[in-house]
Amino acid sequence: MAHWICERCGKGFQRAKAGPRPIRFCSQQCYWKYRRTHQEEFQETGQFQLGLIPWNKGLKGFRPSPDTEFKPGQGSINLLPLGSVRVRVRKRDKGKRAWVKVAENGTSYDWKPRALVAWEKHFGPLPEGAVLHHIDRNTLNDDITNLAALSRAAHLMDHRPEFEKRRRFRASKATKERWQEYRLRDVDSYYWEGLEE
């Protein structure tokens, strides 16, 4: 144990050194009292010092530049008119979809998928539990001849070969062997073709 002398109270104390810096104070109380009396030594950038007065004290409601402030009822310069179309990309699969602005209620805006708007224009509301399917697999082709309303199960079965193909490339050897066994149990072979590669 090394012997040290406190810089504030001058009292001697013993403490094991834990790093390259010397031990300057015997306790936290001595450290804080010394720090209050020697503030210039402990100045840190960005820290508001005790005793300083903030520039906006007593200026409640102060408006430094009223000419450039937003005015009540002022609309955004980025505001799009009704009927505007935007293409959004889904994070999970990078799939693109077109969305149409259908309503504007003061501060909120309603956007709907363009495919749904086209379907409702021709056939009315989409049946409950149904999803819109793009027949040619191009999700930006929202022509009414390219849309079909399917149940979720039918939609999944229609896209299943694509899902399996994507999964097959990421699968391990053991998984491919399990798929091969499953294929031999009279499952439709078109889901599993090319597994022997």
N, C-alpha and C. Protein backbone atom coordinates (compact mmCIF):
# COMPACT_ATOMS: atom_id res chain seq x y z
N MET A 1 0.84 -1.18 0.00
CA MET A 1 0.00 0.00 0.00
C MET A 1 0.88 1.24 0.00
N ALA A 2 0.53 2.19 -0.88
CA ALA A 2 1.32 3.42 -0.98
C ALA A 2 0.78 4.47 -0.02
N HIS A 3 1.63 5.37 0.38
CA HIS A 3 1.24 6.44 1.27
C HIS A 3 1.05 7.72 0.45
N TRP A 4 -0.12 8.36 0.61
CA TRP A 4 -0.45 9.56 -0.16
C TRP A 4 -0.80 10.68 0.81
N ILE A 5 -0.77 11.93 0.28
CA ILE A 5 -1.19 13.10 1.06
C ILE A 5 -2.30 13.80 0.29
N CYS A 6 -3.43 14.07 0.97
CA CYS A 6 -4.59 14.71 0.34
C CYS A 6 -4.26 16.16 -0.01
N GLU A 7 -4.58 16.56 -1.21
CA GLU A 7 -4.27 17.92 -1.69
C GLU A 7 -5.17 18.97 -1.05
N ARG A 8 -6.32 18.56 -0.51
CA ARG A 8 -7.21 19.55 0.10
C ARG A 8 -6.99 19.69 1.59
N CYS A 9 -7.05 18.57 2.33
CA CYS A 9 -6.95 18.67 3.79
C CYS A 9 -5.54 18.42 4.31
N GLY A 10 -4.62 17.91 3.47
CA GLY A 10 -3.24 17.68 3.89
C GLY A 10 -3.05 16.45 4.75
N LYS A 11 -4.12 15.66 4.93
CA LYS A 11 -4.06 14.48 5.76
C LYS A 11 -3.39 13.34 4.99
N GLY A 12 -2.57 12.55 5.64
CA GLY A 12 -1.95 11.40 5.00
C GLY A 12 -2.89 10.20 5.01
N PHE A 13 -2.85 9.38 3.97
CA PHE A 13 -3.70 8.19 3.89
C PHE A 13 -3.01 7.13 3.05
N GLN A 14 -3.43 5.91 3.21
CA GLN A 14 -2.88 4.80 2.44
C GLN A 14 -3.95 4.22 1.54
N ARG A 15 -3.55 3.95 0.29
CA ARG A 15 -4.48 3.35 -0.66
C ARG A 15 -3.67 2.70 -1.77
N ALA A 16 -4.16 1.58 -2.28
CA ALA A 16 -3.47 0.91 -3.38
C ALA A 16 -3.75 1.68 -4.66
N LYS A 17 -2.73 1.84 -5.47
CA LYS A 17 -2.88 2.58 -6.73
C LYS A 17 -3.48 1.64 -7.78
N ALA A 18 -4.49 2.11 -8.51
CA ALA A 18 -5.19 1.25 -9.46
C ALA A 18 -4.90 1.60 -10.91
N GLY A 19 -4.24 2.72 -11.19
CA GLY A 19 -3.98 3.12 -12.56
C GLY A 19 -2.76 4.02 -12.63
N PRO A 20 -2.50 4.60 -13.81
CA PRO A 20 -1.32 5.43 -13.96
C PRO A 20 -1.42 6.79 -13.26
N ARG A 21 -2.64 7.28 -13.00
CA ARG A 21 -2.79 8.61 -12.40
C ARG A 21 -2.56 8.55 -10.90
N PRO A 22 -1.98 9.60 -10.32
CA PRO A 22 -1.76 9.61 -8.86
C PRO A 22 -3.08 9.81 -8.12
N ILE A 23 -3.12 9.32 -6.88
CA ILE A 23 -4.30 9.50 -6.03
C ILE A 23 -4.12 10.82 -5.30
N ARG A 24 -5.05 11.76 -5.52
CA ARG A 24 -4.86 13.13 -5.02
C ARG A 24 -5.67 13.45 -3.77
N PHE A 25 -6.78 12.72 -3.52
CA PHE A 25 -7.66 13.09 -2.41
C PHE A 25 -7.96 11.87 -1.56
N CYS A 26 -8.21 12.13 -0.28
CA CYS A 26 -8.47 11.04 0.66
C CYS A 26 -9.91 10.53 0.58
N SER A 27 -10.84 11.37 0.12
CA SER A 27 -12.24 10.96 0.07
C SER A 27 -12.97 11.74 -1.03
N GLN A 28 -14.20 11.31 -1.30
CA GLN A 28 -15.05 12.01 -2.28
C GLN A 28 -15.39 13.42 -1.80
N GLN A 29 -15.60 13.59 -0.49
CA GLN A 29 -15.94 14.91 0.04
C GLN A 29 -14.80 15.89 -0.23
N CYS A 30 -13.55 15.45 0.02
CA CYS A 30 -12.41 16.33 -0.25
C CYS A 30 -12.30 16.66 -1.74
N TYR A 31 -12.57 15.66 -2.59
CA TYR A 31 -12.50 15.88 -4.03
C TYR A 31 -13.49 16.96 -4.46
N TRP A 32 -14.77 16.85 -4.02
CA TRP A 32 -15.79 17.82 -4.44
C TRP A 32 -15.54 19.20 -3.84
N LYS A 33 -15.09 19.28 -2.62
CA LYS A 33 -14.79 20.59 -2.03
C LYS A 33 -13.63 21.27 -2.75
N TYR A 34 -12.61 20.50 -3.09
CA TYR A 34 -11.49 21.05 -3.84
C TYR A 34 -11.93 21.49 -5.22
N ARG A 35 -12.80 20.69 -5.84
CA ARG A 35 -13.26 21.01 -7.20
C ARG A 35 -14.05 22.32 -7.23
N ARG A 36 -14.88 22.57 -6.19
CA ARG A 36 -15.67 23.79 -6.13
C ARG A 36 -14.78 25.03 -6.01
N THR A 37 -13.68 24.92 -5.32
CA THR A 37 -12.80 26.07 -5.12
C THR A 37 -11.78 26.25 -6.24
N HIS A 38 -11.57 25.23 -7.06
CA HIS A 38 -10.60 25.29 -8.17
C HIS A 38 -11.29 24.90 -9.48
N GLN A 39 -12.35 25.64 -9.84
CA GLN A 39 -13.14 25.29 -11.02
C GLN A 39 -12.35 25.37 -12.31
N GLU A 40 -11.42 26.32 -12.43
CA GLU A 40 -10.68 26.48 -13.68
C GLU A 40 -9.86 25.22 -14.01
N GLU A 41 -9.47 24.48 -12.99
CA GLU A 41 -8.69 23.26 -13.20
C GLU A 41 -9.55 22.13 -13.74
N PHE A 42 -10.84 22.14 -13.41
CA PHE A 42 -11.74 21.05 -13.77
C PHE A 42 -12.71 21.40 -14.88
N GLN A 43 -12.46 22.46 -15.62
CA GLN A 43 -13.39 22.87 -16.68
C GLN A 43 -13.48 21.78 -17.74
N GLU A 44 -14.71 21.45 -18.14
CA GLU A 44 -14.94 20.45 -19.17
C GLU A 44 -15.72 21.10 -20.30
N THR A 45 -15.40 20.76 -21.51
CA THR A 45 -16.08 21.36 -22.66
C THR A 45 -17.54 20.94 -22.68
N GLY A 46 -18.43 21.86 -22.96
CA GLY A 46 -19.85 21.57 -23.06
C GLY A 46 -20.59 21.56 -21.74
N GLN A 47 -19.91 21.68 -20.64
CA GLN A 47 -20.58 21.64 -19.35
C GLN A 47 -20.93 23.06 -18.91
N PHE A 48 -22.17 23.27 -18.48
CA PHE A 48 -22.59 24.58 -18.02
C PHE A 48 -22.05 24.80 -16.61
N GLN A 49 -21.25 25.85 -16.43
CA GLN A 49 -20.58 26.09 -15.14
C GLN A 49 -21.54 26.72 -14.13
N LEU A 50 -21.32 26.38 -12.86
CA LEU A 50 -22.13 26.95 -11.79
C LEU A 50 -21.93 28.47 -11.72
N GLY A 51 -22.99 29.20 -11.51
CA GLY A 51 -22.90 30.65 -11.36
C GLY A 51 -23.10 31.42 -12.65
N LEU A 52 -23.02 30.74 -13.80
CA LEU A 52 -23.25 31.43 -15.08
C LEU A 52 -24.74 31.59 -15.32
N ILE A 53 -25.13 32.64 -16.01
CA ILE A 53 -26.54 32.92 -16.29
C ILE A 53 -26.82 32.55 -17.75
N PRO A 54 -27.83 31.72 -18.00
CA PRO A 54 -28.14 31.37 -19.39
C PRO A 54 -28.61 32.60 -20.17
N TRP A 55 -28.35 32.61 -21.48
CA TRP A 55 -28.64 33.79 -22.30
C TRP A 55 -30.14 34.08 -22.39
N ASN A 56 -31.01 33.04 -22.21
CA ASN A 56 -32.44 33.26 -22.38
C ASN A 56 -33.18 33.39 -21.05
N LYS A 57 -32.47 33.66 -19.95
CA LYS A 57 -33.13 33.83 -18.65
C LYS A 57 -34.01 35.07 -18.69
N GLY A 58 -35.29 34.91 -18.30
CA GLY A 58 -36.24 36.03 -18.28
C GLY A 58 -36.80 36.39 -19.64
N LEU A 59 -36.57 35.55 -20.66
CA LEU A 59 -37.07 35.83 -22.01
C LEU A 59 -38.12 34.82 -22.45
N LYS A 60 -39.03 34.45 -21.54
CA LYS A 60 -40.06 33.48 -21.88
C LYS A 60 -40.92 34.02 -23.03
N GLY A 61 -41.12 33.21 -24.05
CA GLY A 61 -41.89 33.62 -25.22
C GLY A 61 -41.09 34.44 -26.21
N PHE A 62 -39.78 34.52 -26.04
CA PHE A 62 -38.91 35.28 -26.94
C PHE A 62 -38.90 34.64 -28.32
N ARG A 63 -39.14 35.45 -29.35
CA ARG A 63 -39.17 34.98 -30.74
C ARG A 63 -38.10 35.72 -31.52
N PRO A 64 -36.93 35.11 -31.73
CA PRO A 64 -35.83 35.82 -32.37
C PRO A 64 -36.07 36.14 -33.84
N SER A 65 -36.85 35.31 -34.55
CA SER A 65 -37.05 35.59 -35.99
C SER A 65 -38.49 35.24 -36.39
N PRO A 66 -39.46 36.10 -36.06
CA PRO A 66 -40.86 35.79 -36.37
C PRO A 66 -41.15 35.73 -37.87
N ASP A 67 -40.33 36.38 -38.70
CA ASP A 67 -40.60 36.36 -40.15
C ASP A 67 -40.40 34.97 -40.76
N THR A 68 -39.54 34.15 -40.15
CA THR A 68 -39.25 32.83 -40.72
C THR A 68 -39.95 31.70 -39.99
N GLU A 69 -40.82 32.00 -39.03
CA GLU A 69 -41.55 30.97 -38.29
C GLU A 69 -42.70 30.42 -39.13
N PHE A 70 -43.15 29.20 -38.78
CA PHE A 70 -44.35 28.65 -39.41
C PHE A 70 -45.55 29.44 -38.94
N LYS A 71 -46.44 29.77 -39.85
CA LYS A 71 -47.66 30.49 -39.51
C LYS A 71 -48.79 29.48 -39.28
N PRO A 72 -49.79 29.82 -38.46
CA PRO A 72 -50.92 28.91 -38.25
C PRO A 72 -51.62 28.59 -39.57
N GLY A 73 -51.84 27.30 -39.80
CA GLY A 73 -52.51 26.87 -41.03
C GLY A 73 -51.61 26.76 -42.24
N GLN A 74 -50.33 27.03 -42.06
CA GLN A 74 -49.41 26.96 -43.19
C GLN A 74 -49.15 25.50 -43.55
N GLY A 75 -49.27 25.17 -44.84
CA GLY A 75 -49.02 23.81 -45.30
C GLY A 75 -47.56 23.58 -45.62
N SER A 76 -47.18 22.33 -45.65
CA SER A 76 -45.81 21.97 -45.95
C SER A 76 -45.55 22.14 -47.45
N ILE A 77 -44.31 22.48 -47.80
CA ILE A 77 -43.97 22.61 -49.22
C ILE A 77 -43.86 21.23 -49.87
N ASN A 78 -43.75 20.16 -49.05
CA ASN A 78 -43.66 18.80 -49.57
C ASN A 78 -45.02 18.13 -49.68
N LEU A 79 -46.09 18.84 -49.38
CA LEU A 79 -47.43 18.26 -49.39
C LEU A 79 -47.83 17.85 -50.80
N LEU A 80 -48.23 16.59 -50.94
CA LEU A 80 -48.64 16.08 -52.24
C LEU A 80 -50.15 16.17 -52.39
N PRO A 81 -50.66 16.44 -53.59
CA PRO A 81 -52.11 16.52 -53.78
C PRO A 81 -52.75 15.14 -53.74
N LEU A 82 -54.07 15.13 -53.59
CA LEU A 82 -54.81 13.86 -53.62
C LEU A 82 -54.58 13.17 -54.96
N GLY A 83 -54.47 11.84 -54.92
CA GLY A 83 -54.24 11.08 -56.14
C GLY A 83 -52.76 10.88 -56.46
N SER A 84 -51.88 11.45 -55.64
CA SER A 84 -50.44 11.27 -55.87
C SER A 84 -50.06 9.81 -55.62
N VAL A 85 -49.06 9.35 -56.36
CA VAL A 85 -48.60 7.96 -56.25
C VAL A 85 -47.17 7.96 -55.74
N ARG A 86 -46.90 7.07 -54.79
CA ARG A 86 -45.55 6.87 -54.26
C ARG A 86 -45.22 5.39 -54.32
N VAL A 87 -43.97 5.07 -54.57
CA VAL A 87 -43.53 3.69 -54.54
C VAL A 87 -42.76 3.47 -53.24
N ARG A 88 -43.22 2.49 -52.45
CA ARG A 88 -42.58 2.17 -51.18
C ARG A 88 -41.93 0.80 -51.29
N VAL A 89 -40.84 0.62 -50.56
CA VAL A 89 -40.12 -0.65 -50.57
C VAL A 89 -40.23 -1.29 -49.20
N ARG A 90 -40.68 -2.56 -49.16
CA ARG A 90 -40.77 -3.28 -47.89
C ARG A 90 -39.39 -3.73 -47.45
N LYS A 91 -39.09 -3.61 -46.15
CA LYS A 91 -37.77 -3.97 -45.66
C LYS A 91 -37.52 -5.46 -45.73
N ARG A 92 -38.54 -6.27 -45.40
CA ARG A 92 -38.28 -7.70 -45.23
C ARG A 92 -37.92 -8.40 -46.52
N ASP A 93 -38.49 -7.98 -47.66
CA ASP A 93 -38.20 -8.69 -48.91
C ASP A 93 -37.85 -7.76 -50.06
N LYS A 94 -37.69 -6.46 -49.80
CA LYS A 94 -37.36 -5.46 -50.82
C LYS A 94 -38.42 -5.38 -51.92
N GLY A 95 -39.65 -5.81 -51.60
CA GLY A 95 -40.74 -5.75 -52.58
C GLY A 95 -41.26 -4.34 -52.73
N LYS A 96 -41.51 -3.92 -53.96
CA LYS A 96 -42.00 -2.57 -54.22
C LYS A 96 -43.51 -2.59 -54.40
N ARG A 97 -44.17 -1.59 -53.83
CA ARG A 97 -45.62 -1.41 -53.97
C ARG A 97 -45.91 0.06 -54.22
N ALA A 98 -46.90 0.32 -55.05
CA ALA A 98 -47.33 1.69 -55.32
C ALA A 98 -48.48 2.03 -54.37
N TRP A 99 -48.42 3.23 -53.77
CA TRP A 99 -49.45 3.71 -52.85
C TRP A 99 -50.03 5.01 -53.39
N VAL A 100 -51.34 5.21 -53.17
CA VAL A 100 -52.05 6.39 -53.67
C VAL A 100 -52.61 7.16 -52.48
N LYS A 101 -52.48 8.49 -52.55
CA LYS A 101 -53.05 9.34 -51.50
C LYS A 101 -54.54 9.49 -51.78
N VAL A 102 -55.37 9.02 -50.83
CA VAL A 102 -56.81 9.01 -51.07
C VAL A 102 -57.58 10.02 -50.21
N ALA A 103 -56.99 10.51 -49.12
CA ALA A 103 -57.71 11.46 -48.26
C ALA A 103 -56.71 12.33 -47.52
N GLU A 104 -57.21 13.50 -47.10
CA GLU A 104 -56.39 14.45 -46.37
C GLU A 104 -57.27 15.08 -45.30
N ASN A 105 -57.00 14.71 -44.03
CA ASN A 105 -57.83 15.19 -42.92
C ASN A 105 -57.05 16.13 -42.03
N GLY A 106 -56.84 17.35 -42.44
CA GLY A 106 -56.10 18.31 -41.62
C GLY A 106 -54.64 17.93 -41.48
N THR A 107 -54.32 17.26 -40.36
CA THR A 107 -52.92 16.90 -40.13
C THR A 107 -52.60 15.45 -40.49
N SER A 108 -53.62 14.61 -40.76
CA SER A 108 -53.35 13.22 -41.11
C SER A 108 -53.69 12.98 -42.58
N TYR A 109 -52.99 12.04 -43.16
CA TYR A 109 -53.17 11.73 -44.57
C TYR A 109 -53.38 10.23 -44.72
N ASP A 110 -54.29 9.83 -45.59
CA ASP A 110 -54.58 8.42 -45.80
C ASP A 110 -54.02 7.97 -47.14
N TRP A 111 -53.22 6.92 -47.10
CA TRP A 111 -52.64 6.31 -48.30
C TRP A 111 -53.12 4.87 -48.38
N LYS A 112 -53.44 4.42 -49.59
CA LYS A 112 -53.86 3.04 -49.81
C LYS A 112 -53.02 2.44 -50.93
N PRO A 113 -52.83 1.12 -50.91
CA PRO A 113 -52.13 0.49 -52.03
C PRO A 113 -52.89 0.74 -53.33
N ARG A 114 -52.17 1.06 -54.39
CA ARG A 114 -52.80 1.37 -55.68
C ARG A 114 -53.61 0.19 -56.21
N ALA A 115 -53.14 -1.03 -55.94
CA ALA A 115 -53.86 -2.23 -56.38
C ALA A 115 -55.23 -2.30 -55.72
N LEU A 116 -55.29 -1.97 -54.42
CA LEU A 116 -56.57 -1.99 -53.70
C LEU A 116 -57.51 -0.92 -54.22
N VAL A 117 -56.98 0.25 -54.55
CA VAL A 117 -57.81 1.33 -55.09
C VAL A 117 -58.40 0.90 -56.44
N ALA A 118 -57.57 0.27 -57.29
CA ALA A 118 -58.06 -0.19 -58.60
C ALA A 118 -59.12 -1.27 -58.43
N TRP A 119 -58.92 -2.19 -57.48
CA TRP A 119 -59.89 -3.27 -57.25
C TRP A 119 -61.22 -2.69 -56.76
N GLU A 120 -61.15 -1.77 -55.78
CA GLU A 120 -62.38 -1.19 -55.24
C GLU A 120 -63.12 -0.36 -56.27
N LYS A 121 -62.41 0.24 -57.20
CA LYS A 121 -63.05 1.04 -58.25
C LYS A 121 -63.89 0.14 -59.17
N HIS A 122 -63.41 -1.08 -59.46
CA HIS A 122 -64.11 -1.97 -60.38
C HIS A 122 -65.08 -2.92 -59.70
N PHE A 123 -64.70 -3.47 -58.53
CA PHE A 123 -65.50 -4.53 -57.92
C PHE A 123 -66.03 -4.20 -56.53
N GLY A 124 -65.75 -3.04 -56.01
CA GLY A 124 -66.19 -2.71 -54.65
C GLY A 124 -65.18 -3.20 -53.62
N PRO A 125 -65.58 -3.20 -52.35
CA PRO A 125 -64.64 -3.58 -51.29
C PRO A 125 -64.13 -5.01 -51.45
N LEU A 126 -62.91 -5.22 -51.02
CA LEU A 126 -62.29 -6.55 -51.06
C LEU A 126 -62.99 -7.44 -50.05
N PRO A 127 -63.33 -8.68 -50.42
CA PRO A 127 -64.00 -9.58 -49.46
C PRO A 127 -63.14 -9.78 -48.20
N GLU A 128 -63.80 -9.99 -47.07
CA GLU A 128 -63.08 -10.16 -45.81
C GLU A 128 -62.24 -11.44 -45.86
N GLY A 129 -60.99 -11.34 -45.45
CA GLY A 129 -60.10 -12.50 -45.43
C GLY A 129 -59.38 -12.73 -46.75
N ALA A 130 -59.64 -11.89 -47.75
CA ALA A 130 -59.00 -12.05 -49.06
C ALA A 130 -57.82 -11.09 -49.19
N VAL A 131 -56.89 -11.46 -50.06
CA VAL A 131 -55.74 -10.60 -50.36
C VAL A 131 -55.66 -10.45 -51.88
N LEU A 132 -55.05 -9.35 -52.31
CA LEU A 132 -54.89 -9.14 -53.75
C LEU A 132 -53.62 -9.81 -54.24
N HIS A 133 -53.75 -10.52 -55.34
CA HIS A 133 -52.63 -11.26 -55.93
C HIS A 133 -52.32 -10.67 -57.30
N HIS A 134 -51.03 -10.41 -57.58
CA HIS A 134 -50.61 -9.94 -58.90
C HIS A 134 -50.28 -11.17 -59.74
N ILE A 135 -51.03 -11.40 -60.78
CA ILE A 135 -50.92 -12.63 -61.57
C ILE A 135 -49.54 -12.76 -62.22
N ASP A 136 -49.01 -11.66 -62.77
CA ASP A 136 -47.71 -11.74 -63.45
C ASP A 136 -46.53 -11.54 -62.50
N ARG A 137 -46.78 -11.50 -61.18
CA ARG A 137 -45.78 -11.35 -60.12
C ARG A 137 -45.10 -9.97 -60.09
N ASN A 138 -45.53 -9.04 -60.94
CA ASN A 138 -44.99 -7.68 -60.94
C ASN A 138 -45.90 -6.84 -60.03
N THR A 139 -45.41 -6.49 -58.84
CA THR A 139 -46.25 -5.79 -57.87
C THR A 139 -46.52 -4.34 -58.22
N LEU A 140 -45.83 -3.81 -59.22
CA LEU A 140 -46.10 -2.44 -59.66
C LEU A 140 -47.09 -2.41 -60.83
N ASN A 141 -47.46 -3.57 -61.37
CA ASN A 141 -48.44 -3.65 -62.45
C ASN A 141 -49.82 -3.82 -61.81
N ASP A 142 -50.51 -2.69 -61.58
CA ASP A 142 -51.80 -2.72 -60.89
C ASP A 142 -52.97 -2.63 -61.85
N ASP A 143 -52.81 -3.11 -63.06
CA ASP A 143 -53.91 -3.17 -64.02
C ASP A 143 -54.94 -4.17 -63.50
N ILE A 144 -56.21 -3.89 -63.70
CA ILE A 144 -57.27 -4.73 -63.14
C ILE A 144 -57.23 -6.15 -63.71
N THR A 145 -56.72 -6.31 -64.94
CA THR A 145 -56.61 -7.65 -65.53
C THR A 145 -55.48 -8.46 -64.88
N ASN A 146 -54.61 -7.80 -64.16
CA ASN A 146 -53.49 -8.48 -63.51
C ASN A 146 -53.77 -8.79 -62.04
N LEU A 147 -54.95 -8.43 -61.53
CA LEU A 147 -55.27 -8.61 -60.12
C LEU A 147 -56.28 -9.72 -59.92
N ALA A 148 -56.11 -10.47 -58.83
CA ALA A 148 -57.06 -11.52 -58.46
C ALA A 148 -57.19 -11.49 -56.94
N ALA A 149 -58.41 -11.68 -56.45
CA ALA A 149 -58.65 -11.75 -55.00
C ALA A 149 -58.60 -13.21 -54.59
N LEU A 150 -57.65 -13.56 -53.72
CA LEU A 150 -57.47 -14.94 -53.26
C LEU A 150 -57.55 -14.99 -51.74
N SER A 151 -57.91 -16.16 -51.22
CA SER A 151 -57.80 -16.34 -49.77
C SER A 151 -56.32 -16.41 -49.42
N ARG A 152 -56.02 -16.23 -48.15
CA ARG A 152 -54.61 -16.26 -47.75
C ARG A 152 -53.98 -17.62 -48.03
N ALA A 153 -54.73 -18.69 -47.81
CA ALA A 153 -54.20 -20.04 -48.06
C ALA A 153 -53.91 -20.25 -49.54
N ALA A 154 -54.84 -19.82 -50.39
CA ALA A 154 -54.64 -19.98 -51.84
C ALA A 154 -53.47 -19.11 -52.32
N HIS A 155 -53.33 -17.93 -51.74
CA HIS A 155 -52.24 -17.05 -52.11
C HIS A 155 -50.89 -17.67 -51.72
N LEU A 156 -50.84 -18.27 -50.55
CA LEU A 156 -49.61 -18.92 -50.11
C LEU A 156 -49.27 -20.10 -51.01
N MET A 157 -50.27 -20.90 -51.37
CA MET A 157 -50.02 -22.06 -52.24
C MET A 157 -49.55 -21.61 -53.62
N ASP A 158 -50.06 -20.48 -54.09
CA ASP A 158 -49.64 -19.99 -55.40
C ASP A 158 -48.17 -19.54 -55.39
N HIS A 159 -47.73 -18.98 -54.26
CA HIS A 159 -46.35 -18.49 -54.16
C HIS A 159 -45.39 -19.51 -53.53
N ARG A 160 -45.90 -20.66 -53.11
CA ARG A 160 -45.07 -21.62 -52.39
C ARG A 160 -43.82 -22.06 -53.16
N PRO A 161 -43.91 -22.36 -54.46
CA PRO A 161 -42.68 -22.76 -55.17
C PRO A 161 -41.57 -21.71 -55.09
N GLU A 162 -41.94 -20.43 -55.13
CA GLU A 162 -40.93 -19.37 -55.03
C GLU A 162 -40.29 -19.36 -53.64
N PHE A 163 -41.13 -19.54 -52.58
CA PHE A 163 -40.59 -19.57 -51.23
C PHE A 163 -39.64 -20.75 -51.05
N GLU A 164 -40.06 -21.92 -51.54
CA GLU A 164 -39.24 -23.11 -51.39
C GLU A 164 -37.93 -22.98 -52.16
N LYS A 165 -38.00 -22.36 -53.33
CA LYS A 165 -36.77 -22.18 -54.12
C LYS A 165 -35.79 -21.29 -53.38
N ARG A 166 -36.30 -20.20 -52.77
CA ARG A 166 -35.43 -19.31 -52.00
C ARG A 166 -34.85 -20.02 -50.79
N ARG A 167 -35.69 -20.82 -50.11
CA ARG A 167 -35.23 -21.51 -48.91
C ARG A 167 -34.22 -22.60 -49.27
N ARG A 168 -34.37 -23.24 -50.42
CA ARG A 168 -33.51 -24.34 -50.82
C ARG A 168 -32.06 -23.89 -50.94
N PHE A 169 -31.83 -22.67 -51.44
CA PHE A 169 -30.47 -22.20 -51.62
C PHE A 169 -29.79 -21.93 -50.28
N ARG A 170 -30.57 -21.63 -49.23
CA ARG A 170 -29.99 -21.33 -47.93
C ARG A 170 -29.92 -22.56 -47.03
N ALA A 171 -30.48 -23.69 -47.47
CA ALA A 171 -30.61 -24.85 -46.60
C ALA A 171 -29.30 -25.61 -46.44
N SER A 172 -29.15 -26.27 -45.30
CA SER A 172 -27.98 -27.11 -45.06
C SER A 172 -28.17 -28.46 -45.73
N LYS A 173 -27.14 -29.28 -45.72
CA LYS A 173 -27.21 -30.60 -46.34
C LYS A 173 -28.24 -31.47 -45.63
N ALA A 174 -28.26 -31.42 -44.29
CA ALA A 174 -29.22 -32.22 -43.52
C ALA A 174 -30.65 -31.83 -43.84
N THR A 175 -30.90 -30.55 -44.00
CA THR A 175 -32.25 -30.09 -44.33
C THR A 175 -32.66 -30.58 -45.71
N LYS A 176 -31.72 -30.53 -46.66
CA LYS A 176 -32.03 -31.02 -48.01
C LYS A 176 -32.35 -32.51 -47.99
N GLU A 177 -31.67 -33.28 -47.12
CA GLU A 177 -31.97 -34.72 -47.00
C GLU A 177 -33.36 -34.93 -46.44
N ARG A 178 -33.76 -34.12 -45.45
CA ARG A 178 -35.13 -34.24 -44.91
C ARG A 178 -36.16 -33.91 -45.98
N TRP A 179 -35.89 -32.90 -46.80
CA TRP A 179 -36.81 -32.57 -47.88
C TRP A 179 -36.91 -33.73 -48.87
N GLN A 180 -35.79 -34.40 -49.11
CA GLN A 180 -35.80 -35.53 -50.04
C GLN A 180 -36.69 -36.64 -49.51
N GLU A 181 -36.60 -36.92 -48.20
CA GLU A 181 -37.46 -37.93 -47.59
C GLU A 181 -38.92 -37.51 -47.69
N TYR A 182 -39.19 -36.26 -47.46
CA TYR A 182 -40.56 -35.75 -47.52
C TYR A 182 -41.09 -35.88 -48.94
N ARG A 183 -40.24 -35.67 -49.92
CA ARG A 183 -40.64 -35.76 -51.32
C ARG A 183 -41.05 -37.18 -51.66
N LEU A 184 -40.38 -38.15 -51.08
CA LEU A 184 -40.69 -39.55 -51.37
C LEU A 184 -42.02 -39.99 -50.77
N ARG A 185 -42.60 -39.17 -49.91
CA ARG A 185 -43.90 -39.50 -49.31
C ARG A 185 -45.05 -38.93 -50.13
N ASP A 186 -44.99 -38.98 -51.42
CA ASP A 186 -46.06 -38.57 -52.35
C ASP A 186 -46.45 -37.11 -52.24
N VAL A 187 -45.48 -36.23 -52.05
CA VAL A 187 -45.73 -34.79 -52.07
C VAL A 187 -45.49 -34.32 -53.49
N ASP A 188 -46.23 -33.31 -53.94
CA ASP A 188 -46.08 -32.82 -55.31
C ASP A 188 -44.62 -32.58 -55.62
N SER A 189 -44.11 -33.18 -56.65
CA SER A 189 -42.68 -33.15 -56.94
C SER A 189 -42.20 -31.80 -57.44
N TYR A 190 -43.08 -30.94 -57.98
CA TYR A 190 -42.58 -29.67 -58.52
C TYR A 190 -42.07 -28.75 -57.44
N TYR A 191 -42.46 -28.95 -56.16
CA TYR A 191 -41.91 -28.13 -55.10
C TYR A 191 -40.45 -28.44 -54.82
N TRP A 192 -40.04 -29.69 -55.15
CA TRP A 192 -38.75 -30.15 -54.67
C TRP A 192 -37.78 -30.47 -55.82
N GLU A 193 -38.13 -30.12 -57.03
CA GLU A 193 -37.25 -30.48 -58.15
C GLU A 193 -35.91 -29.76 -58.03
N GLY A 194 -34.87 -30.46 -58.41
CA GLY A 194 -33.54 -29.87 -58.34
C GLY A 194 -32.85 -30.06 -57.01
N LEU A 195 -33.46 -30.85 -56.08
CA LEU A 195 -32.83 -31.07 -54.79
C LEU A 195 -31.56 -31.90 -54.89
N GLU A 196 -31.46 -32.70 -55.93
CA GLU A 196 -30.31 -33.60 -56.05
C GLU A 196 -29.02 -32.85 -56.34
N GLU A 197 -29.13 -31.56 -56.73
CA GLU A 197 -27.93 -30.78 -57.07
C GLU A 197 -26.99 -30.66 -55.91
